[in-house]
């Protein structure tokens, strides 16, 4: 029996062959342990890949809510009152007047009023907008290719093998 030179493999004690003609060998952690040959009971690990999903929060967009000023022409109908002077002339029976025509310079003054409309503007609140967020749960289907190791049993000669699972 020949001894293999010391070397390390990832996996440490996993039995393996150095080439097609060597027996299965397993190596220690490489800290001064000698090579050992596996002869009686041996263990071969079968491995497989499995998918794992990891989630992360990413910004996918933004919503901006702002205000624009829009101008429009509005017309109000406001009832207004104004005064008019009415002059009514009526004939009278002739009678003597007091004083002479030049002496009695009489003037009647009648003030006239009307309502004038002035337009003032004031800002009033007509609507409020509440902005918030909510979480919506969905299921997303993901897939990928995975690999696995399967045992391959090779028989050389007339050998009975009992495979228990």
N, C-alpha and C. Protein backbone atom coordinates (compact mmCIF):
# COMPACT_ATOMS: atom_id res chain seq x y z
N UNK A 1 0.84 -1.16 0.00
CA UNK A 1 0.00 0.00 0.00
C UNK A 1 0.89 1.23 0.00
N UNK A 2 0.63 2.15 -0.97
CA UNK A 2 1.43 3.36 -1.07
C UNK A 2 0.76 4.47 -0.33
N UNK A 3 1.54 5.38 0.17
CA UNK A 3 1.00 6.52 0.90
C UNK A 3 0.96 7.73 -0.02
N UNK A 4 -0.15 8.42 0.01
CA UNK A 4 -0.29 9.64 -0.80
C UNK A 4 0.38 10.79 -0.08
N UNK A 5 0.94 11.73 -0.82
CA UNK A 5 1.51 12.91 -0.16
C UNK A 5 0.38 13.71 0.48
N UNK A 6 0.76 14.41 1.56
CA UNK A 6 -0.24 15.22 2.26
C UNK A 6 -0.74 16.33 1.36
N UNK A 7 -2.06 16.49 1.35
CA UNK A 7 -2.67 17.62 0.65
C UNK A 7 -4.06 17.84 1.22
N UNK A 8 -4.61 18.98 0.91
CA UNK A 8 -5.93 19.32 1.44
C UNK A 8 -6.93 19.43 0.31
N UNK A 9 -8.19 19.18 0.64
CA UNK A 9 -9.31 19.36 -0.28
C UNK A 9 -10.38 20.16 0.44
N UNK A 10 -11.13 20.94 -0.30
CA UNK A 10 -12.30 21.55 0.34
C UNK A 10 -13.23 20.44 0.80
N UNK A 11 -13.70 20.53 1.99
CA UNK A 11 -14.56 19.47 2.51
C UNK A 11 -13.83 18.59 3.49
N UNK A 12 -12.50 18.65 3.54
CA UNK A 12 -11.72 17.94 4.56
C UNK A 12 -11.86 16.45 4.51
N UNK A 13 -12.78 15.87 5.30
CA UNK A 13 -12.88 14.42 5.47
C UNK A 13 -13.77 13.74 4.44
N UNK A 14 -14.12 14.40 3.36
CA UNK A 14 -14.97 13.78 2.36
C UNK A 14 -14.14 12.75 1.59
N UNK A 15 -14.60 11.50 1.57
CA UNK A 15 -13.83 10.48 0.83
C UNK A 15 -13.79 10.81 -0.66
N UNK A 16 -12.68 10.55 -1.27
CA UNK A 16 -12.50 10.84 -2.70
C UNK A 16 -11.38 9.96 -3.24
N UNK A 17 -11.26 9.95 -4.55
CA UNK A 17 -10.17 9.19 -5.19
C UNK A 17 -9.17 10.19 -5.75
N UNK A 18 -7.93 9.81 -5.68
CA UNK A 18 -6.90 10.67 -6.26
C UNK A 18 -6.78 10.42 -7.75
N UNK A 19 -7.02 9.21 -8.17
CA UNK A 19 -7.15 8.89 -9.58
C UNK A 19 -7.95 7.60 -9.68
N UNK A 20 -8.11 7.04 -10.87
CA UNK A 20 -8.99 5.88 -11.05
C UNK A 20 -8.50 4.63 -10.34
N UNK A 21 -7.21 4.49 -10.12
CA UNK A 21 -6.68 3.25 -9.55
C UNK A 21 -6.52 3.28 -8.04
N UNK A 22 -6.68 4.43 -7.39
CA UNK A 22 -6.49 4.52 -5.95
C UNK A 22 -7.77 4.19 -5.20
N UNK A 23 -7.56 3.75 -3.96
CA UNK A 23 -8.70 3.52 -3.09
C UNK A 23 -9.27 4.87 -2.66
N UNK A 24 -10.47 4.81 -2.06
CA UNK A 24 -11.05 6.04 -1.51
C UNK A 24 -10.17 6.52 -0.38
N UNK A 25 -9.96 7.83 -0.31
CA UNK A 25 -9.14 8.41 0.75
C UNK A 25 -9.87 9.59 1.35
N UNK A 26 -9.62 9.83 2.61
CA UNK A 26 -10.15 11.02 3.26
C UNK A 26 -9.01 11.67 4.01
N UNK A 27 -8.96 12.99 4.02
CA UNK A 27 -7.88 13.71 4.67
C UNK A 27 -8.45 14.49 5.83
N UNK A 28 -7.63 14.68 6.84
CA UNK A 28 -8.03 15.47 7.99
C UNK A 28 -8.03 16.94 7.63
N UNK A 29 -8.03 17.76 8.65
CA UNK A 29 -8.10 19.20 8.43
C UNK A 29 -6.81 19.77 7.91
N UNK A 30 -5.74 18.92 7.78
CA UNK A 30 -4.49 19.40 7.25
C UNK A 30 -3.59 19.97 8.33
N UNK A 31 -3.97 19.82 9.57
CA UNK A 31 -3.15 20.35 10.67
C UNK A 31 -2.27 19.22 11.22
N UNK A 32 -1.42 18.67 10.43
CA UNK A 32 -0.48 17.65 10.88
C UNK A 32 -1.07 16.27 10.92
N UNK A 33 -2.32 16.07 10.47
CA UNK A 33 -2.88 14.72 10.52
C UNK A 33 -2.40 13.95 9.30
N UNK A 34 -2.17 12.70 9.47
CA UNK A 34 -1.66 11.87 8.38
C UNK A 34 -2.82 11.40 7.53
N UNK A 35 -2.51 11.02 6.29
CA UNK A 35 -3.53 10.46 5.40
C UNK A 35 -4.04 9.17 6.02
N UNK A 36 -5.33 8.91 5.81
CA UNK A 36 -5.86 7.63 6.27
C UNK A 36 -6.66 7.02 5.14
N UNK A 37 -6.58 5.78 5.00
CA UNK A 37 -7.32 5.05 3.98
C UNK A 37 -8.65 4.60 4.57
N UNK A 38 -9.72 4.77 3.79
CA UNK A 38 -11.03 4.32 4.22
C UNK A 38 -11.21 2.93 3.67
N UNK A 39 -11.47 2.00 4.54
CA UNK A 39 -11.54 0.63 4.06
C UNK A 39 -12.87 -0.03 4.38
N UNK A 40 -13.32 -0.05 5.62
CA UNK A 40 -14.53 -0.79 5.97
C UNK A 40 -15.79 -0.01 5.67
N UNK A 41 -16.19 0.85 6.59
CA UNK A 41 -17.42 1.61 6.40
C UNK A 41 -17.04 2.97 5.85
N UNK A 42 -17.67 3.32 4.77
CA UNK A 42 -17.34 4.56 4.10
C UNK A 42 -18.60 5.40 3.92
N UNK A 43 -18.42 6.68 3.87
CA UNK A 43 -19.56 7.58 3.69
C UNK A 43 -19.29 8.48 2.50
N UNK A 44 -20.25 8.56 1.63
CA UNK A 44 -20.17 9.45 0.48
C UNK A 44 -21.34 10.42 0.61
N UNK A 45 -21.04 11.68 0.62
CA UNK A 45 -22.10 12.67 0.76
C UNK A 45 -22.64 13.05 -0.61
N UNK A 46 -23.95 13.05 -0.73
CA UNK A 46 -24.61 13.52 -1.94
C UNK A 46 -25.16 14.90 -1.62
N UNK A 47 -24.95 15.82 -2.51
CA UNK A 47 -25.38 17.19 -2.28
C UNK A 47 -26.33 17.62 -3.39
N UNK A 48 -27.13 18.62 -3.09
CA UNK A 48 -27.99 19.20 -4.10
C UNK A 48 -28.15 20.69 -3.83
N UNK A 49 -28.43 21.38 -4.88
CA UNK A 49 -28.66 22.81 -4.74
C UNK A 49 -30.15 23.04 -4.53
N UNK A 50 -30.48 24.07 -3.81
CA UNK A 50 -31.88 24.45 -3.67
C UNK A 50 -31.97 25.96 -3.85
N UNK A 51 -33.12 26.38 -4.30
CA UNK A 51 -33.33 27.81 -4.54
C UNK A 51 -33.67 28.51 -3.24
N UNK A 52 -33.11 29.67 -3.05
CA UNK A 52 -33.46 30.51 -1.91
C UNK A 52 -33.81 31.88 -2.47
N UNK A 53 -34.90 32.42 -2.00
CA UNK A 53 -35.32 33.74 -2.47
C UNK A 53 -34.96 34.77 -1.41
N UNK A 54 -34.35 35.84 -1.85
CA UNK A 54 -34.03 36.97 -0.97
C UNK A 54 -34.76 38.18 -1.51
N UNK A 55 -35.33 38.96 -0.61
CA UNK A 55 -36.09 40.13 -1.04
C UNK A 55 -35.36 41.38 -0.59
N UNK A 56 -35.45 42.41 -1.40
CA UNK A 56 -34.94 43.71 -1.01
C UNK A 56 -35.89 44.77 -1.52
N UNK A 57 -35.98 45.83 -0.80
CA UNK A 57 -36.88 46.92 -1.18
C UNK A 57 -36.14 47.84 -2.14
N UNK A 58 -36.72 48.06 -3.30
CA UNK A 58 -36.12 48.96 -4.29
C UNK A 58 -37.16 49.99 -4.69
N UNK A 59 -36.71 51.18 -4.98
CA UNK A 59 -37.62 52.23 -5.42
C UNK A 59 -37.94 52.00 -6.89
N UNK A 60 -39.24 51.88 -7.19
CA UNK A 60 -39.65 51.62 -8.57
C UNK A 60 -40.28 52.83 -9.21
N UNK A 61 -40.49 53.86 -8.47
CA UNK A 61 -41.08 55.07 -9.05
C UNK A 61 -41.41 56.06 -7.95
N UNK A 62 -41.97 57.17 -8.35
CA UNK A 62 -42.36 58.21 -7.39
C UNK A 62 -43.67 58.83 -7.85
N UNK A 63 -44.41 59.33 -6.91
CA UNK A 63 -45.63 60.07 -7.20
C UNK A 63 -45.45 61.47 -6.64
N UNK A 64 -45.67 62.46 -7.47
CA UNK A 64 -45.60 63.84 -7.02
C UNK A 64 -46.99 64.43 -7.05
N UNK A 65 -47.40 65.01 -5.97
CA UNK A 65 -48.68 65.68 -5.90
C UNK A 65 -48.39 67.15 -5.63
N UNK A 66 -48.81 67.99 -6.53
CA UNK A 66 -48.55 69.41 -6.39
C UNK A 66 -49.80 70.19 -6.75
N UNK A 67 -49.64 71.49 -6.93
CA UNK A 67 -50.77 72.34 -7.27
C UNK A 67 -50.39 73.20 -8.46
N UNK A 68 -51.34 73.43 -9.32
CA UNK A 68 -51.21 74.35 -10.43
C UNK A 68 -52.26 75.43 -10.27
N UNK A 69 -51.95 76.63 -10.72
CA UNK A 69 -52.92 77.72 -10.68
C UNK A 69 -53.56 77.83 -12.05
N UNK A 70 -54.87 77.75 -12.08
CA UNK A 70 -55.63 77.83 -13.32
C UNK A 70 -56.54 79.05 -13.23
N UNK A 71 -56.55 79.86 -14.27
CA UNK A 71 -57.39 81.04 -14.27
C UNK A 71 -58.62 80.80 -15.13
N UNK A 72 -59.74 81.31 -14.65
CA UNK A 72 -60.96 81.24 -15.44
C UNK A 72 -61.77 82.51 -15.19
N UNK A 73 -62.54 82.87 -16.17
CA UNK A 73 -63.38 84.07 -16.06
C UNK A 73 -64.70 83.68 -15.44
N UNK A 74 -65.13 84.37 -14.39
CA UNK A 74 -66.43 84.14 -13.76
C UNK A 74 -67.26 85.41 -13.85
N UNK A 75 -68.54 85.25 -13.98
CA UNK A 75 -69.45 86.39 -14.03
C UNK A 75 -70.48 86.24 -12.93
N UNK A 76 -70.65 87.29 -12.16
CA UNK A 76 -71.67 87.30 -11.11
C UNK A 76 -72.76 88.28 -11.52
N UNK A 77 -73.97 87.94 -11.20
CA UNK A 77 -75.07 88.86 -11.42
C UNK A 77 -75.46 89.43 -10.06
N UNK A 78 -75.21 90.73 -9.89
CA UNK A 78 -75.45 91.39 -8.61
C UNK A 78 -76.55 92.43 -8.81
N UNK A 79 -77.64 92.33 -8.08
CA UNK A 79 -78.69 93.35 -8.22
C UNK A 79 -78.22 94.66 -7.55
N UNK A 80 -78.31 95.74 -8.27
CA UNK A 80 -77.90 97.05 -7.75
C UNK A 80 -79.09 98.01 -7.85
N UNK A 81 -79.07 99.00 -7.01
CA UNK A 81 -80.14 100.01 -7.00
C UNK A 81 -79.53 101.36 -7.32
N UNK A 82 -80.22 102.08 -8.14
CA UNK A 82 -79.81 103.45 -8.44
C UNK A 82 -81.05 104.34 -8.38
N UNK A 83 -80.81 105.60 -8.14
CA UNK A 83 -81.93 106.54 -8.06
C UNK A 83 -82.00 107.34 -9.36
N UNK A 84 -83.20 107.61 -9.74
CA UNK A 84 -83.44 108.49 -10.88
C UNK A 84 -84.25 109.69 -10.38
N UNK A 85 -84.02 110.79 -10.94
CA UNK A 85 -84.79 111.98 -10.60
C UNK A 85 -85.97 112.05 -11.56
N UNK A 86 -87.10 112.21 -11.00
CA UNK A 86 -88.29 112.34 -11.85
C UNK A 86 -88.80 113.78 -11.75
N UNK A 87 -89.11 114.27 -12.84
CA UNK A 87 -89.67 115.63 -12.89
C UNK A 87 -91.06 115.49 -13.51
N UNK A 88 -91.99 115.94 -12.77
CA UNK A 88 -93.34 115.87 -13.27
C UNK A 88 -93.87 117.30 -13.36
N UNK A 89 -94.34 117.65 -14.47
CA UNK A 89 -94.91 118.98 -14.68
C UNK A 89 -96.41 118.85 -14.79
N UNK A 90 -97.06 119.75 -14.11
CA UNK A 90 -98.52 119.75 -14.20
C UNK A 90 -99.01 121.21 -14.29
N UNK A 91 -99.96 121.44 -15.04
CA UNK A 91 -100.50 122.80 -15.15
C UNK A 91 -101.31 123.16 -13.90
N UNK A 92 -101.26 124.39 -13.53
CA UNK A 92 -102.01 124.86 -12.36
C UNK A 92 -102.92 126.00 -12.79
N UNK A 93 -103.82 126.30 -11.91
CA UNK A 93 -104.66 127.47 -12.19
C UNK A 93 -103.81 128.69 -11.99
N UNK A 94 -104.00 129.59 -12.82
CA UNK A 94 -103.18 130.80 -12.73
C UNK A 94 -103.54 131.56 -11.48
N UNK A 95 -102.50 131.97 -10.72
CA UNK A 95 -102.67 132.77 -9.52
C UNK A 95 -101.53 133.74 -9.41
N UNK A 96 -101.66 134.78 -8.66
CA UNK A 96 -100.58 135.75 -8.58
C UNK A 96 -99.39 135.17 -7.83
N UNK A 97 -98.18 135.46 -8.26
CA UNK A 97 -96.95 134.99 -7.64
C UNK A 97 -96.47 136.04 -6.68
N UNK A 98 -95.73 135.62 -5.70
CA UNK A 98 -95.17 136.54 -4.72
C UNK A 98 -93.84 137.03 -5.25
N UNK A 99 -93.61 138.25 -5.18
CA UNK A 99 -92.38 138.86 -5.60
C UNK A 99 -92.24 138.90 -7.09
N UNK A 100 -91.16 139.53 -7.47
CA UNK A 100 -90.92 139.63 -8.90
C UNK A 100 -90.17 138.40 -9.39
N UNK A 101 -90.09 138.29 -10.64
CA UNK A 101 -89.45 137.11 -11.22
C UNK A 101 -87.95 137.11 -10.92
N UNK A 102 -87.29 138.18 -10.91
CA UNK A 102 -85.85 138.21 -10.68
C UNK A 102 -85.49 138.06 -9.21
N UNK A 103 -86.34 138.41 -8.32
CA UNK A 103 -85.98 138.41 -6.91
C UNK A 103 -85.97 137.00 -6.30
N UNK A 104 -86.76 136.20 -6.67
CA UNK A 104 -86.90 134.91 -6.03
C UNK A 104 -86.14 133.85 -6.84
N UNK A 105 -84.84 133.80 -6.71
CA UNK A 105 -84.00 132.86 -7.43
C UNK A 105 -83.93 131.57 -6.61
N UNK A 106 -84.79 130.66 -6.85
CA UNK A 106 -84.90 129.45 -6.04
C UNK A 106 -84.30 128.28 -6.81
N UNK A 107 -83.47 127.50 -6.09
CA UNK A 107 -82.85 126.32 -6.69
C UNK A 107 -83.14 125.11 -5.79
N UNK A 108 -83.51 124.03 -6.39
CA UNK A 108 -83.73 122.78 -5.64
C UNK A 108 -82.56 121.85 -5.99
N UNK A 109 -81.95 121.38 -4.98
CA UNK A 109 -80.86 120.41 -5.18
C UNK A 109 -81.36 119.03 -4.72
N UNK A 110 -81.21 118.04 -5.55
CA UNK A 110 -81.65 116.68 -5.25
C UNK A 110 -80.44 115.75 -5.38
N UNK A 111 -79.96 115.20 -4.29
CA UNK A 111 -78.85 114.25 -4.41
C UNK A 111 -79.34 112.92 -5.02
N UNK A 112 -78.55 112.32 -5.86
CA UNK A 112 -78.89 111.06 -6.54
C UNK A 112 -77.84 110.02 -6.16
N UNK A 113 -78.33 108.87 -5.77
CA UNK A 113 -77.42 107.78 -5.35
C UNK A 113 -77.60 106.55 -6.25
N UNK A 114 -76.55 105.79 -6.31
CA UNK A 114 -76.63 104.48 -6.97
C UNK A 114 -75.62 103.55 -6.31
N UNK A 115 -75.90 102.27 -6.35
CA UNK A 115 -74.97 101.28 -5.80
C UNK A 115 -73.96 100.93 -6.89
N UNK A 116 -72.73 100.90 -6.49
CA UNK A 116 -71.68 100.48 -7.42
C UNK A 116 -71.08 99.18 -6.89
N UNK A 117 -70.78 98.27 -7.77
CA UNK A 117 -70.26 96.95 -7.39
C UNK A 117 -68.74 97.00 -7.40
N UNK A 118 -68.15 96.56 -6.30
CA UNK A 118 -66.70 96.39 -6.23
C UNK A 118 -66.43 94.90 -6.07
N UNK A 119 -65.46 94.41 -6.76
CA UNK A 119 -65.14 92.98 -6.73
C UNK A 119 -63.90 92.78 -5.87
N UNK A 120 -64.04 91.98 -4.84
CA UNK A 120 -62.91 91.57 -4.01
C UNK A 120 -62.72 90.07 -4.19
N UNK A 121 -61.51 89.62 -3.96
CA UNK A 121 -61.23 88.19 -4.06
C UNK A 121 -60.77 87.69 -2.70
N UNK A 122 -61.16 86.46 -2.40
CA UNK A 122 -60.67 85.82 -1.19
C UNK A 122 -60.47 84.34 -1.50
N UNK A 123 -59.50 83.76 -0.87
CA UNK A 123 -59.21 82.34 -1.07
C UNK A 123 -60.04 81.52 -0.10
N UNK A 124 -60.63 80.46 -0.61
CA UNK A 124 -61.41 79.55 0.23
C UNK A 124 -60.95 78.13 -0.05
N UNK A 125 -61.01 77.29 0.95
CA UNK A 125 -60.64 75.88 0.82
C UNK A 125 -61.82 75.14 0.21
N UNK A 126 -61.57 74.40 -0.87
CA UNK A 126 -62.65 73.65 -1.52
C UNK A 126 -62.45 72.14 -1.44
N UNK A 127 -61.23 71.70 -1.15
CA UNK A 127 -60.97 70.27 -1.14
C UNK A 127 -59.67 70.02 -0.41
N UNK A 128 -59.57 68.87 0.23
CA UNK A 128 -58.32 68.44 0.85
C UNK A 128 -57.93 67.10 0.27
N UNK A 129 -56.65 66.91 0.06
CA UNK A 129 -56.14 65.66 -0.51
C UNK A 129 -55.25 65.00 0.53
N UNK A 130 -55.61 63.81 0.94
CA UNK A 130 -54.77 63.03 1.85
C UNK A 130 -53.95 62.07 1.00
N UNK A 131 -52.65 62.05 1.22
CA UNK A 131 -51.75 61.19 0.46
C UNK A 131 -51.13 60.22 1.44
N UNK A 132 -51.18 58.94 1.12
CA UNK A 132 -50.59 57.92 1.98
C UNK A 132 -50.14 56.75 1.14
N UNK A 133 -49.64 55.74 1.80
CA UNK A 133 -49.22 54.52 1.12
C UNK A 133 -49.84 53.34 1.85
N UNK A 134 -50.01 52.26 1.15
CA UNK A 134 -50.45 51.02 1.76
C UNK A 134 -49.64 49.89 1.17
N UNK A 135 -49.52 48.82 1.89
CA UNK A 135 -48.77 47.67 1.40
C UNK A 135 -49.74 46.66 0.80
N UNK A 136 -49.37 46.14 -0.34
CA UNK A 136 -50.17 45.16 -1.04
C UNK A 136 -49.33 43.90 -1.16
N UNK A 137 -49.84 42.78 -0.69
CA UNK A 137 -49.10 41.52 -0.73
C UNK A 137 -49.45 40.78 -2.01
N UNK A 138 -48.45 40.40 -2.75
CA UNK A 138 -48.64 39.61 -3.96
C UNK A 138 -47.68 38.43 -3.91
N UNK A 139 -47.92 37.45 -4.75
CA UNK A 139 -47.01 36.31 -4.85
C UNK A 139 -46.36 36.36 -6.22
N UNK A 140 -45.05 36.30 -6.20
CA UNK A 140 -44.30 36.33 -7.46
C UNK A 140 -43.65 34.97 -7.64
N UNK A 141 -43.78 34.41 -8.82
CA UNK A 141 -43.22 33.10 -9.10
C UNK A 141 -41.80 33.28 -9.66
N UNK A 142 -40.83 32.63 -9.03
CA UNK A 142 -39.45 32.68 -9.50
C UNK A 142 -38.98 31.26 -9.77
N UNK A 143 -38.07 31.12 -10.68
CA UNK A 143 -37.55 29.79 -10.98
C UNK A 143 -36.08 29.89 -11.35
N UNK A 144 -35.40 28.81 -11.23
CA UNK A 144 -33.98 28.75 -11.57
C UNK A 144 -33.57 27.30 -11.74
N UNK A 145 -32.44 27.09 -12.31
CA UNK A 145 -31.92 25.74 -12.52
C UNK A 145 -31.05 25.35 -11.34
N UNK A 146 -31.33 24.20 -10.77
CA UNK A 146 -30.53 23.70 -9.65
C UNK A 146 -29.91 22.36 -10.04
N UNK A 147 -28.84 22.03 -9.34
CA UNK A 147 -28.16 20.76 -9.63
C UNK A 147 -28.17 19.91 -8.36
N UNK A 148 -28.04 18.63 -8.52
CA UNK A 148 -27.91 17.74 -7.36
C UNK A 148 -27.02 16.56 -7.75
N UNK A 149 -26.45 15.99 -6.75
CA UNK A 149 -25.59 14.83 -6.97
C UNK A 149 -26.42 13.58 -6.68
N UNK A 150 -26.29 12.61 -7.53
CA UNK A 150 -26.96 11.33 -7.33
C UNK A 150 -25.89 10.25 -7.26
N UNK A 151 -26.19 9.25 -6.51
CA UNK A 151 -25.23 8.14 -6.38
C UNK A 151 -25.22 7.31 -7.65
N UNK A 152 -24.04 6.94 -8.07
CA UNK A 152 -23.89 6.04 -9.22
C UNK A 152 -23.17 4.80 -8.69
N UNK A 153 -23.81 3.67 -8.76
CA UNK A 153 -23.24 2.42 -8.27
C UNK A 153 -22.74 1.64 -9.47
N UNK A 154 -21.44 1.37 -9.49
CA UNK A 154 -20.84 0.60 -10.58
C UNK A 154 -20.44 -0.76 -10.04
N UNK A 155 -20.75 -1.76 -10.78
CA UNK A 155 -20.43 -3.13 -10.36
C UNK A 155 -19.34 -3.65 -11.28
N UNK A 156 -18.36 -4.25 -10.68
CA UNK A 156 -17.31 -4.88 -11.47
C UNK A 156 -17.29 -6.34 -11.07
N UNK A 157 -17.71 -7.20 -11.92
CA UNK A 157 -17.82 -8.61 -11.60
C UNK A 157 -19.18 -8.95 -11.04
N UNK A 158 -19.28 -10.11 -10.40
CA UNK A 158 -20.54 -10.60 -9.85
C UNK A 158 -20.67 -10.15 -8.40
N UNK A 159 -21.24 -8.94 -8.21
CA UNK A 159 -21.34 -8.35 -6.87
C UNK A 159 -22.80 -8.04 -6.60
N UNK A 160 -23.29 -8.49 -5.43
CA UNK A 160 -24.66 -8.15 -5.02
C UNK A 160 -24.60 -6.84 -4.22
N UNK A 161 -25.48 -5.94 -4.58
CA UNK A 161 -25.54 -4.65 -3.88
C UNK A 161 -26.96 -4.46 -3.38
N UNK A 162 -27.12 -4.20 -2.08
CA UNK A 162 -28.43 -3.91 -1.51
C UNK A 162 -28.49 -2.40 -1.28
N UNK A 163 -29.41 -1.75 -1.98
CA UNK A 163 -29.54 -0.29 -1.89
C UNK A 163 -30.72 0.03 -1.01
N UNK A 164 -30.45 0.55 0.19
CA UNK A 164 -31.52 0.92 1.13
C UNK A 164 -31.66 2.44 1.12
N UNK A 165 -32.85 2.85 1.05
CA UNK A 165 -33.12 4.30 1.13
C UNK A 165 -33.99 4.58 2.29
